[in-house]
């Protein structure tokens, strides 16, 4: 296919995509998905995170296709712009998850032999209470991750649960913990040390 023919084909595909043609969505994914994956993988640490960004990029593009303006650039450029924002979002989310994980480890550490800090006791009670309220699978994954210090891959091997499902359970569980701490912090003016928003 000549360059002119390819450009014309790209333009027609972009028009069909913008018009809501579901077949065009599949063709756009087949044509540009690798470029989006390359952008994400060049920044993020794991392929799984990069693949998550590809998925969220195309979902956002499809839902926001009315915002695509061919006069401002190609469909590929528009997709890569969305992907860059999703990479930043993923990096921020991973950073928050790391902070929550560190806080959970600190708050659930063995109590000192003498005069425990009342704030730490409260933190442990809040975490224990929230863990108890989680669905069984989420609680189990978090306990294996934080109490037994297993990696996601080790948890998958031990439980027989697919790695992606393990990550999803842990991510949702930590999101629940984070929401609980935000509510408690807003109500009491305090939150466990090191949680997002703590100064």
N, C-alpha and C. Protein backbone atom coordinates (compact mmCIF):
# COMPACT_ATOMS: atom_id res chain seq x y z
N UNK A 1 0.84 -1.19 0.00
CA UNK A 1 0.00 0.00 0.00
C UNK A 1 0.88 1.24 0.00
N UNK A 2 0.58 2.21 -0.88
CA UNK A 2 1.36 3.43 -0.96
C UNK A 2 1.09 4.31 0.25
N UNK A 3 1.97 5.29 0.45
CA UNK A 3 1.83 6.20 1.59
C UNK A 3 0.50 6.96 1.51
N UNK A 4 0.15 7.41 0.30
CA UNK A 4 -1.10 8.14 0.12
C UNK A 4 -2.29 7.25 0.44
N UNK A 5 -2.25 6.02 -0.06
CA UNK A 5 -3.34 5.09 0.20
C UNK A 5 -3.45 4.77 1.69
N UNK A 6 -2.29 4.62 2.32
CA UNK A 6 -2.29 4.33 3.76
C UNK A 6 -2.87 5.50 4.55
N UNK A 7 -2.50 6.72 4.18
CA UNK A 7 -3.03 7.90 4.86
C UNK A 7 -4.54 7.99 4.70
N UNK A 8 -5.01 7.72 3.48
CA UNK A 8 -6.45 7.75 3.22
C UNK A 8 -7.16 6.69 4.04
N UNK A 9 -6.57 5.50 4.09
CA UNK A 9 -7.15 4.41 4.87
C UNK A 9 -7.21 4.77 6.35
N UNK A 10 -6.13 5.38 6.87
CA UNK A 10 -6.11 5.81 8.27
C UNK A 10 -7.21 6.82 8.55
N UNK A 11 -7.40 7.75 7.63
CA UNK A 11 -8.42 8.79 7.81
C UNK A 11 -9.82 8.18 7.82
N UNK A 12 -10.07 7.24 6.92
CA UNK A 12 -11.38 6.59 6.87
C UNK A 12 -11.62 5.78 8.14
N UNK A 13 -10.59 5.10 8.60
CA UNK A 13 -10.70 4.32 9.83
C UNK A 13 -11.01 5.25 11.02
N UNK A 14 -10.31 6.37 11.08
CA UNK A 14 -10.54 7.34 12.16
C UNK A 14 -11.97 7.86 12.12
N UNK A 15 -12.49 8.12 10.92
CA UNK A 15 -13.86 8.61 10.79
C UNK A 15 -14.86 7.56 11.27
N UNK A 16 -14.63 6.32 10.89
CA UNK A 16 -15.53 5.24 11.33
C UNK A 16 -15.47 5.06 12.84
N UNK A 17 -14.26 5.15 13.40
CA UNK A 17 -14.08 5.04 14.85
C UNK A 17 -14.86 6.15 15.55
N UNK A 18 -14.67 7.39 15.09
CA UNK A 18 -15.33 8.54 15.72
C UNK A 18 -16.84 8.44 15.60
N UNK A 19 -17.32 7.76 14.56
CA UNK A 19 -18.76 7.61 14.35
C UNK A 19 -19.36 6.48 15.19
N UNK A 20 -18.50 5.74 15.90
CA UNK A 20 -19.01 4.68 16.77
C UNK A 20 -19.10 3.32 16.13
N UNK A 21 -18.37 3.10 15.05
CA UNK A 21 -18.36 1.80 14.38
C UNK A 21 -17.53 0.82 15.21
N UNK A 22 -18.20 -0.19 15.79
CA UNK A 22 -17.50 -1.14 16.68
C UNK A 22 -16.45 -1.96 15.93
N UNK A 23 -16.69 -2.23 14.66
CA UNK A 23 -15.68 -2.95 13.88
C UNK A 23 -14.43 -2.09 13.71
N UNK A 24 -14.64 -0.80 13.59
CA UNK A 24 -13.50 0.12 13.48
C UNK A 24 -12.69 0.12 14.77
N UNK A 25 -13.38 -0.01 15.92
CA UNK A 25 -12.67 -0.07 17.20
C UNK A 25 -11.68 -1.23 17.20
N UNK A 26 -12.12 -2.37 16.73
CA UNK A 26 -11.25 -3.54 16.69
C UNK A 26 -10.07 -3.30 15.74
N UNK A 27 -10.35 -2.69 14.61
CA UNK A 27 -9.28 -2.41 13.64
C UNK A 27 -8.28 -1.39 14.21
N UNK A 28 -8.80 -0.40 14.91
CA UNK A 28 -7.93 0.61 15.54
C UNK A 28 -7.03 -0.07 16.57
N UNK A 29 -7.61 -0.96 17.36
CA UNK A 29 -6.82 -1.68 18.37
C UNK A 29 -5.74 -2.52 17.69
N UNK A 30 -6.12 -3.24 16.64
CA UNK A 30 -5.15 -4.08 15.93
C UNK A 30 -4.03 -3.24 15.31
N UNK A 31 -4.40 -2.06 14.81
CA UNK A 31 -3.42 -1.23 14.10
C UNK A 31 -2.50 -0.46 15.06
N UNK A 32 -3.06 0.04 16.15
CA UNK A 32 -2.29 0.96 17.00
C UNK A 32 -1.99 0.42 18.41
N UNK A 33 -2.54 -0.73 18.73
CA UNK A 33 -2.34 -1.26 20.08
C UNK A 33 -0.88 -1.49 20.43
N UNK A 34 -0.10 -1.95 19.44
CA UNK A 34 1.31 -2.21 19.69
C UNK A 34 2.07 -0.92 20.01
N UNK A 35 1.72 0.17 19.32
CA UNK A 35 2.38 1.45 19.58
C UNK A 35 2.06 1.96 20.98
N UNK A 36 0.80 1.78 21.40
CA UNK A 36 0.42 2.20 22.75
C UNK A 36 1.13 1.34 23.79
N UNK A 37 1.22 0.04 23.53
CA UNK A 37 1.92 -0.85 24.46
C UNK A 37 3.39 -0.47 24.57
N UNK A 38 4.00 -0.14 23.44
CA UNK A 38 5.42 0.24 23.45
C UNK A 38 5.63 1.49 24.30
N UNK A 39 4.76 2.46 24.15
CA UNK A 39 4.88 3.69 24.95
C UNK A 39 4.76 3.36 26.44
N UNK A 40 3.75 2.57 26.80
CA UNK A 40 3.53 2.24 28.21
C UNK A 40 4.67 1.41 28.78
N UNK A 41 5.13 0.42 28.01
CA UNK A 41 6.18 -0.48 28.49
C UNK A 41 7.52 0.24 28.64
N UNK A 42 7.72 1.32 27.90
CA UNK A 42 8.98 2.05 27.99
C UNK A 42 9.07 2.85 29.28
N UNK A 43 7.94 3.02 29.97
CA UNK A 43 7.92 3.81 31.20
C UNK A 43 7.63 2.98 32.44
N UNK A 44 6.72 2.03 32.33
CA UNK A 44 6.29 1.24 33.49
C UNK A 44 7.20 0.04 33.70
N UNK A 45 7.22 -0.44 34.94
CA UNK A 45 8.18 -1.47 35.32
C UNK A 45 7.80 -2.86 34.84
N UNK A 46 6.51 -3.15 34.72
CA UNK A 46 6.09 -4.49 34.35
C UNK A 46 5.21 -4.47 33.11
N UNK A 47 5.25 -5.57 32.38
CA UNK A 47 4.40 -5.69 31.19
C UNK A 47 2.92 -5.69 31.59
N UNK A 48 2.62 -6.29 32.75
CA UNK A 48 1.23 -6.33 33.20
C UNK A 48 0.67 -4.93 33.38
N UNK A 49 1.48 -4.03 33.97
CA UNK A 49 1.03 -2.65 34.14
C UNK A 49 0.87 -1.97 32.78
N UNK A 50 1.79 -2.25 31.87
CA UNK A 50 1.71 -1.66 30.53
C UNK A 50 0.45 -2.15 29.82
N UNK A 51 0.14 -3.42 29.95
CA UNK A 51 -1.06 -3.97 29.31
C UNK A 51 -2.33 -3.36 29.92
N UNK A 52 -2.30 -3.10 31.24
CA UNK A 52 -3.43 -2.43 31.87
C UNK A 52 -3.64 -1.05 31.26
N UNK A 53 -2.53 -0.35 31.01
CA UNK A 53 -2.62 0.99 30.42
C UNK A 53 -3.19 0.92 29.01
N UNK A 54 -2.79 -0.09 28.24
CA UNK A 54 -3.34 -0.25 26.89
C UNK A 54 -4.86 -0.40 26.96
N UNK A 55 -5.30 -1.25 27.86
CA UNK A 55 -6.74 -1.48 28.00
C UNK A 55 -7.47 -0.20 28.40
N UNK A 56 -6.97 0.49 29.43
CA UNK A 56 -7.65 1.71 29.89
C UNK A 56 -7.59 2.82 28.82
N UNK A 57 -6.52 2.83 28.05
CA UNK A 57 -6.40 3.82 26.98
C UNK A 57 -7.49 3.63 25.94
N UNK A 58 -7.68 2.40 25.49
CA UNK A 58 -8.68 2.16 24.45
C UNK A 58 -10.11 2.30 24.98
N UNK A 59 -10.32 1.95 26.24
CA UNK A 59 -11.64 2.17 26.83
C UNK A 59 -11.93 3.67 26.88
N UNK A 60 -10.95 4.45 27.35
CA UNK A 60 -11.13 5.91 27.44
C UNK A 60 -11.33 6.51 26.05
N UNK A 61 -10.57 6.03 25.08
CA UNK A 61 -10.68 6.55 23.72
C UNK A 61 -12.06 6.26 23.13
N UNK A 62 -12.54 5.05 23.34
CA UNK A 62 -13.84 4.68 22.79
C UNK A 62 -14.96 5.48 23.45
N UNK A 63 -14.90 5.60 24.78
CA UNK A 63 -15.93 6.34 25.49
C UNK A 63 -15.86 7.84 25.19
N UNK A 64 -14.65 8.32 24.90
CA UNK A 64 -14.48 9.75 24.63
C UNK A 64 -14.24 10.07 23.18
N UNK A 65 -14.69 9.19 22.28
CA UNK A 65 -14.40 9.36 20.85
C UNK A 65 -14.95 10.66 20.27
N UNK A 66 -15.97 11.22 20.92
CA UNK A 66 -16.50 12.50 20.44
C UNK A 66 -15.47 13.61 20.57
N UNK A 67 -14.47 13.39 21.43
CA UNK A 67 -13.43 14.40 21.62
C UNK A 67 -12.32 14.34 20.60
N UNK A 68 -12.35 13.34 19.73
CA UNK A 68 -11.32 13.24 18.70
C UNK A 68 -11.60 14.22 17.58
N UNK A 69 -10.61 15.05 17.27
CA UNK A 69 -10.73 16.04 16.21
C UNK A 69 -9.61 15.80 15.19
N UNK A 70 -9.95 15.23 14.03
CA UNK A 70 -8.91 14.93 13.04
C UNK A 70 -8.17 16.17 12.56
N UNK A 71 -8.77 17.35 12.74
CA UNK A 71 -8.09 18.58 12.31
C UNK A 71 -6.90 18.91 13.22
N UNK A 72 -6.88 18.31 14.42
CA UNK A 72 -5.82 18.61 15.38
C UNK A 72 -4.72 17.56 15.39
N UNK A 73 -4.89 16.50 14.61
CA UNK A 73 -3.87 15.47 14.57
C UNK A 73 -4.45 14.12 14.22
N UNK A 74 -3.57 13.15 14.06
CA UNK A 74 -4.00 11.81 13.67
C UNK A 74 -4.61 11.07 14.86
N UNK A 75 -5.32 10.00 14.54
CA UNK A 75 -5.90 9.16 15.59
C UNK A 75 -4.81 8.55 16.45
N UNK A 76 -3.70 8.15 15.84
CA UNK A 76 -2.60 7.58 16.62
C UNK A 76 -2.06 8.60 17.62
N UNK A 77 -1.85 9.82 17.18
CA UNK A 77 -1.35 10.86 18.09
C UNK A 77 -2.31 11.08 19.24
N UNK A 78 -3.60 11.07 18.94
CA UNK A 78 -4.62 11.25 19.97
C UNK A 78 -4.58 10.10 20.97
N UNK A 79 -4.47 8.87 20.46
CA UNK A 79 -4.38 7.70 21.34
C UNK A 79 -3.14 7.75 22.23
N UNK A 80 -2.02 8.14 21.66
CA UNK A 80 -0.78 8.21 22.45
C UNK A 80 -0.87 9.29 23.52
N UNK A 81 -1.59 10.37 23.22
CA UNK A 81 -1.81 11.40 24.23
C UNK A 81 -2.61 10.86 25.41
N UNK A 82 -3.64 10.09 25.10
CA UNK A 82 -4.42 9.45 26.17
C UNK A 82 -3.54 8.48 26.95
N UNK A 83 -2.75 7.69 26.22
CA UNK A 83 -1.89 6.69 26.86
C UNK A 83 -0.90 7.35 27.82
N UNK A 84 -0.34 8.49 27.44
CA UNK A 84 0.60 9.18 28.34
C UNK A 84 -0.08 9.56 29.65
N UNK A 85 -1.31 10.05 29.55
CA UNK A 85 -2.05 10.40 30.78
C UNK A 85 -2.35 9.17 31.61
N UNK A 86 -2.67 8.06 30.95
CA UNK A 86 -2.96 6.83 31.69
C UNK A 86 -1.70 6.27 32.34
N UNK A 87 -0.54 6.43 31.70
CA UNK A 87 0.73 6.01 32.31
C UNK A 87 0.97 6.80 33.59
N UNK A 88 0.76 8.11 33.52
CA UNK A 88 0.94 8.95 34.72
C UNK A 88 -0.02 8.52 35.81
N UNK A 89 -1.28 8.25 35.44
CA UNK A 89 -2.27 7.79 36.42
C UNK A 89 -1.83 6.49 37.06
N UNK A 90 -1.28 5.57 36.24
CA UNK A 90 -0.86 4.27 36.77
C UNK A 90 0.33 4.42 37.71
N UNK A 91 1.28 5.28 37.36
CA UNK A 91 2.43 5.52 38.22
C UNK A 91 1.97 6.08 39.57
N UNK A 92 1.03 7.02 39.53
CA UNK A 92 0.51 7.58 40.77
C UNK A 92 -0.21 6.53 41.60
N UNK A 93 -1.00 5.68 40.93
CA UNK A 93 -1.73 4.63 41.64
C UNK A 93 -0.75 3.65 42.29
N UNK A 94 0.30 3.27 41.55
CA UNK A 94 1.29 2.35 42.12
C UNK A 94 1.98 2.98 43.31
N UNK A 95 2.27 4.28 43.24
CA UNK A 95 2.90 4.97 44.35
C UNK A 95 1.99 4.97 45.57
N UNK A 96 0.70 5.22 45.35
CA UNK A 96 -0.25 5.19 46.47
C UNK A 96 -0.33 3.79 47.07
N UNK A 97 -0.37 2.77 46.21
CA UNK A 97 -0.44 1.40 46.70
C UNK A 97 0.79 1.04 47.52
N UNK A 98 1.96 1.51 47.08
CA UNK A 98 3.19 1.26 47.83
C UNK A 98 3.12 1.90 49.21
N UNK A 99 2.59 3.14 49.26
CA UNK A 99 2.50 3.82 50.55
C UNK A 99 1.51 3.12 51.47
N UNK A 100 0.38 2.67 50.91
CA UNK A 100 -0.59 1.94 51.71
C UNK A 100 0.01 0.64 52.22
N UNK A 101 0.72 -0.07 51.33
CA UNK A 101 1.34 -1.34 51.72
C UNK A 101 2.34 -1.12 52.86
N UNK A 102 3.16 -0.08 52.74
CA UNK A 102 4.13 0.21 53.80
C UNK A 102 3.42 0.53 55.11
N UNK A 103 2.33 1.28 55.02
CA UNK A 103 1.59 1.65 56.22
C UNK A 103 0.95 0.43 56.88
N UNK A 104 0.42 -0.47 56.05
CA UNK A 104 -0.19 -1.68 56.59
C UNK A 104 0.87 -2.52 57.30
N UNK A 105 2.05 -2.66 56.67
CA UNK A 105 3.12 -3.44 57.30
C UNK A 105 3.53 -2.83 58.63
N UNK A 106 3.67 -1.50 58.65
CA UNK A 106 4.07 -0.84 59.88
C UNK A 106 3.01 -0.99 60.97
N UNK A 107 1.75 -0.79 60.57
CA UNK A 107 0.68 -0.80 61.55
C UNK A 107 0.36 -2.19 62.07
N UNK A 108 0.67 -3.22 61.27
CA UNK A 108 0.37 -4.59 61.69
C UNK A 108 1.59 -5.31 62.23
N UNK A 109 2.69 -4.59 62.43
CA UNK A 109 3.89 -5.21 63.01
C UNK A 109 3.59 -5.66 64.43
N UNK A 110 4.36 -6.61 64.93
CA UNK A 110 4.16 -7.12 66.28
C UNK A 110 4.22 -5.97 67.28
N UNK A 111 3.31 -5.99 68.24
CA UNK A 111 3.28 -4.93 69.25
C UNK A 111 4.52 -4.98 70.10
N UNK A 112 5.07 -3.85 70.50
CA UNK A 112 6.24 -3.85 71.37
C UNK A 112 5.91 -4.45 72.73
N UNK A 113 6.93 -4.93 73.39
CA UNK A 113 6.73 -5.62 74.66
C UNK A 113 6.23 -4.68 75.74
N UNK A 114 6.61 -3.41 75.69
CA UNK A 114 6.20 -2.49 76.75
C UNK A 114 5.60 -1.22 76.15
N UNK A 115 4.64 -0.66 76.85
CA UNK A 115 4.05 0.64 76.54
C UNK A 115 3.84 0.88 75.05
N UNK A 116 2.94 0.14 74.40
CA UNK A 116 2.68 0.40 72.99
C UNK A 116 2.10 1.79 72.81
N UNK A 117 2.44 2.40 71.70
CA UNK A 117 1.92 3.72 71.36
C UNK A 117 0.41 3.60 71.12
N UNK A 118 -0.40 4.36 71.83
CA UNK A 118 -1.86 4.26 71.65
C UNK A 118 -2.29 4.46 70.19
N UNK A 119 -1.60 5.36 69.48
CA UNK A 119 -1.95 5.59 68.08
C UNK A 119 -1.72 4.34 67.24
N UNK A 120 -0.63 3.61 67.53
CA UNK A 120 -0.36 2.37 66.78
C UNK A 120 -1.39 1.31 67.10
N UNK A 121 -1.83 1.27 68.36
CA UNK A 121 -2.87 0.30 68.74
C UNK A 121 -4.15 0.59 67.96
N UNK A 122 -4.50 1.88 67.88
CA UNK A 122 -5.70 2.27 67.13
C UNK A 122 -5.55 1.90 65.66
N UNK A 123 -4.35 2.16 65.11
CA UNK A 123 -4.10 1.83 63.70
C UNK A 123 -4.32 0.34 63.46
N UNK A 124 -3.77 -0.50 64.35
CA UNK A 124 -3.91 -1.95 64.18
C UNK A 124 -5.36 -2.38 64.28
N UNK A 125 -6.11 -1.74 65.20
CA UNK A 125 -7.52 -2.09 65.34
C UNK A 125 -8.31 -1.69 64.10
N UNK A 126 -7.99 -0.51 63.56
CA UNK A 126 -8.68 -0.06 62.35
C UNK A 126 -8.40 -1.03 61.20
N UNK A 127 -7.14 -1.43 61.05
CA UNK A 127 -6.76 -2.33 59.96
C UNK A 127 -7.40 -3.70 60.15
N UNK A 128 -7.34 -4.22 61.38
CA UNK A 128 -7.93 -5.54 61.65
C UNK A 128 -9.42 -5.52 61.38
N UNK A 129 -10.08 -4.42 61.80
CA UNK A 129 -11.52 -4.29 61.59
C UNK A 129 -11.84 -4.24 60.10
N UNK A 130 -11.05 -3.45 59.36
CA UNK A 130 -11.30 -3.33 57.92
C UNK A 130 -11.00 -4.62 57.19
N UNK A 131 -9.91 -5.31 57.56
CA UNK A 131 -9.60 -6.60 56.94
C UNK A 131 -10.75 -7.58 57.16
N UNK A 132 -11.31 -7.55 58.36
CA UNK A 132 -12.40 -8.49 58.68
C UNK A 132 -13.64 -8.20 57.84
N UNK A 133 -13.79 -6.96 57.38
CA UNK A 133 -14.98 -6.59 56.61
C UNK A 133 -14.82 -6.88 55.11
N UNK A 134 -13.59 -7.21 54.68
CA UNK A 134 -13.36 -7.47 53.26
C UNK A 134 -13.91 -8.83 52.86
N UNK A 135 -14.22 -9.01 51.59
CA UNK A 135 -14.57 -10.35 51.10
C UNK A 135 -13.43 -11.33 51.39
N UNK A 136 -13.78 -12.59 51.57
CA UNK A 136 -12.80 -13.60 52.00
C UNK A 136 -11.55 -13.61 51.12
N UNK A 137 -11.74 -13.60 49.79
CA UNK A 137 -10.58 -13.70 48.90
C UNK A 137 -9.67 -12.49 49.01
N UNK A 138 -10.27 -11.29 49.10
CA UNK A 138 -9.44 -10.09 49.25
C UNK A 138 -8.66 -10.13 50.55
N UNK A 139 -9.33 -10.50 51.63
CA UNK A 139 -8.67 -10.56 52.94
C UNK A 139 -7.53 -11.58 52.91
N UNK A 140 -7.79 -12.73 52.29
CA UNK A 140 -6.77 -13.77 52.24
C UNK A 140 -5.53 -13.30 51.48
N UNK A 141 -5.76 -12.62 50.34
CA UNK A 141 -4.63 -12.15 49.54
C UNK A 141 -3.82 -11.09 50.30
N UNK A 142 -4.51 -10.17 50.98
CA UNK A 142 -3.81 -9.14 51.74
C UNK A 142 -3.02 -9.74 52.90
N UNK A 143 -3.61 -10.71 53.57
CA UNK A 143 -2.91 -11.34 54.70
C UNK A 143 -1.66 -12.06 54.22
N UNK A 144 -1.75 -12.75 53.08
CA UNK A 144 -0.57 -13.43 52.54
C UNK A 144 0.49 -12.43 52.12
N UNK A 145 0.04 -11.28 51.57
CA UNK A 145 1.00 -10.28 51.11
C UNK A 145 1.67 -9.56 52.27
N UNK A 146 0.90 -9.18 53.29
CA UNK A 146 1.44 -8.33 54.34
C UNK A 146 1.93 -9.10 55.55
N UNK A 147 1.20 -10.13 55.96
CA UNK A 147 1.62 -10.87 57.14
C UNK A 147 2.68 -11.91 56.81
N UNK A 148 2.53 -12.58 55.65
CA UNK A 148 3.49 -13.60 55.26
C UNK A 148 4.55 -13.06 54.30
N UNK A 149 4.37 -11.80 53.87
CA UNK A 149 5.35 -11.12 53.01
C UNK A 149 5.61 -11.89 51.71
N UNK A 150 4.54 -12.42 51.12
CA UNK A 150 4.67 -13.13 49.85
C UNK A 150 4.49 -12.15 48.69
N UNK A 151 5.19 -12.41 47.59
CA UNK A 151 5.00 -11.62 46.38
C UNK A 151 3.70 -12.06 45.70
N UNK A 152 3.25 -11.25 44.73
CA UNK A 152 2.05 -11.61 43.99
C UNK A 152 2.21 -12.97 43.32
N UNK A 153 3.38 -13.20 42.73
CA UNK A 153 3.62 -14.47 42.06
C UNK A 153 3.58 -15.64 43.05
N UNK A 154 4.15 -15.44 44.25
CA UNK A 154 4.13 -16.50 45.27
C UNK A 154 2.71 -16.78 45.74
N UNK A 155 1.92 -15.72 45.90
CA UNK A 155 0.53 -15.91 46.32
C UNK A 155 -0.23 -16.71 45.27
N UNK A 156 0.01 -16.39 44.00
CA UNK A 156 -0.66 -17.13 42.92
C UNK A 156 -0.26 -18.60 42.97
N UNK A 157 1.03 -18.87 43.21
CA UNK A 157 1.51 -20.25 43.26
C UNK A 157 0.93 -21.00 44.46
N UNK A 158 0.85 -20.31 45.60
CA UNK A 158 0.37 -20.95 46.83
C UNK A 158 -1.13 -21.24 46.77
N UNK A 159 -1.88 -20.28 46.22
CA UNK A 159 -3.34 -20.40 46.25
C UNK A 159 -3.93 -21.03 45.00
N UNK A 160 -3.15 -21.03 43.90
CA UNK A 160 -3.68 -21.52 42.64
C UNK A 160 -4.57 -20.52 41.94
N UNK A 161 -4.62 -19.29 42.46
CA UNK A 161 -5.42 -18.23 41.86
C UNK A 161 -4.58 -17.55 40.77
N UNK A 162 -5.16 -17.26 39.60
CA UNK A 162 -4.39 -16.60 38.54
C UNK A 162 -3.76 -15.30 39.03
N UNK A 163 -2.56 -15.01 38.52
CA UNK A 163 -1.81 -13.84 38.96
C UNK A 163 -2.62 -12.55 38.81
N UNK A 164 -3.29 -12.39 37.67
CA UNK A 164 -4.08 -11.18 37.47
C UNK A 164 -5.19 -11.03 38.51
N UNK A 165 -5.80 -12.15 38.90
CA UNK A 165 -6.85 -12.12 39.92
C UNK A 165 -6.27 -11.76 41.27
N UNK A 166 -5.08 -12.31 41.58
CA UNK A 166 -4.40 -11.96 42.84
C UNK A 166 -4.19 -10.46 42.90
N UNK A 167 -3.65 -9.90 41.83
CA UNK A 167 -3.38 -8.45 41.80
C UNK A 167 -4.66 -7.66 41.95
N UNK A 168 -5.73 -8.11 41.31
CA UNK A 168 -7.01 -7.39 41.39
C UNK A 168 -7.55 -7.42 42.81
N UNK A 169 -7.49 -8.59 43.47
CA UNK A 169 -7.96 -8.70 44.85
C UNK A 169 -7.16 -7.77 45.77
N UNK A 170 -5.84 -7.77 45.62
CA UNK A 170 -5.00 -6.93 46.47
C UNK A 170 -5.27 -5.45 46.19
N UNK A 171 -5.41 -5.10 44.92
CA UNK A 171 -5.66 -3.70 44.57
C UNK A 171 -6.99 -3.23 45.14
N UNK A 172 -8.04 -4.06 44.99
CA UNK A 172 -9.34 -3.67 45.52
C UNK A 172 -9.33 -3.63 47.05
N UNK A 173 -8.62 -4.58 47.66
CA UNK A 173 -8.53 -4.59 49.12
C UNK A 173 -7.84 -3.35 49.65
N UNK A 174 -6.74 -2.96 49.01
CA UNK A 174 -6.03 -1.77 49.45
C UNK A 174 -6.87 -0.52 49.21
N UNK A 175 -7.65 -0.51 48.13
CA UNK A 175 -8.53 0.64 47.88
C UNK A 175 -9.57 0.76 48.99
N UNK A 176 -10.07 -0.39 49.46
CA UNK A 176 -11.04 -0.37 50.57
C UNK A 176 -10.39 0.16 51.84
N UNK A 177 -9.15 -0.30 52.12
CA UNK A 177 -8.44 0.20 53.29
C UNK A 177 -8.23 1.70 53.19
N UNK A 178 -7.85 2.15 52.01
CA UNK A 178 -7.58 3.57 51.81
C UNK A 178 -8.86 4.39 52.03
N UNK A 179 -9.99 3.91 51.50
CA UNK A 179 -11.25 4.63 51.70
C UNK A 179 -11.62 4.68 53.17
N UNK A 180 -11.39 3.56 53.86
CA UNK A 180 -11.72 3.51 55.29
C UNK A 180 -10.88 4.53 56.05
N UNK A 181 -9.58 4.58 55.76
CA UNK A 181 -8.72 5.53 56.46
C UNK A 181 -9.10 6.96 56.14
N UNK A 182 -9.48 7.23 54.89
CA UNK A 182 -9.88 8.58 54.53
C UNK A 182 -11.13 9.00 55.28
N UNK A 183 -12.10 8.07 55.43
CA UNK A 183 -13.32 8.37 56.18
C UNK A 183 -13.00 8.58 57.64
N UNK A 184 -12.21 7.66 58.22
CA UNK A 184 -11.84 7.79 59.62
C UNK A 184 -11.05 9.06 59.87
N UNK A 185 -10.13 9.37 58.94
CA UNK A 185 -9.31 10.56 59.10
C UNK A 185 -10.15 11.82 59.04
N UNK A 186 -11.14 11.82 58.14
CA UNK A 186 -12.01 13.00 58.03
C UNK A 186 -12.85 13.17 59.28
N UNK A 187 -13.25 12.03 59.89
CA UNK A 187 -14.10 12.10 61.07
C UNK A 187 -13.33 12.46 62.33
N UNK A 188 -12.11 11.94 62.44
CA UNK A 188 -11.37 12.11 63.68
C UNK A 188 -10.24 13.11 63.59
N UNK A 189 -9.92 13.52 62.34
CA UNK A 189 -8.81 14.44 62.17
C UNK A 189 -7.47 13.76 62.20
N UNK A 190 -7.45 12.42 62.16
CA UNK A 190 -6.19 11.68 62.20
C UNK A 190 -6.29 10.49 61.29
N UNK A 191 -5.13 9.95 60.92
CA UNK A 191 -5.08 8.75 60.11
C UNK A 191 -3.76 8.06 60.42
N UNK A 192 -3.65 6.78 60.12
CA UNK A 192 -2.41 6.08 60.40
C UNK A 192 -1.22 6.77 59.74
N UNK A 193 -0.11 6.79 60.42
CA UNK A 193 1.09 7.46 59.93
C UNK A 193 1.53 6.92 58.59
N UNK A 194 1.84 7.85 57.67
CA UNK A 194 2.40 7.44 56.38
C UNK A 194 1.37 7.19 55.31
N UNK A 195 0.08 7.30 55.65
CA UNK A 195 -0.93 7.09 54.63
C UNK A 195 -1.02 8.30 53.73
N UNK A 196 -1.52 8.10 52.49
CA UNK A 196 -1.64 9.23 51.58
C UNK A 196 -2.42 10.35 52.24
N UNK A 197 -1.92 11.56 52.14
CA UNK A 197 -2.59 12.70 52.74
C UNK A 197 -2.03 13.08 54.09
N UNK A 198 -1.23 12.18 54.71
CA UNK A 198 -0.64 12.48 55.99
C UNK A 198 0.49 13.46 55.84
N UNK A 199 0.60 14.40 56.71
CA UNK A 199 1.68 15.38 56.67
C UNK A 199 2.57 15.23 57.90
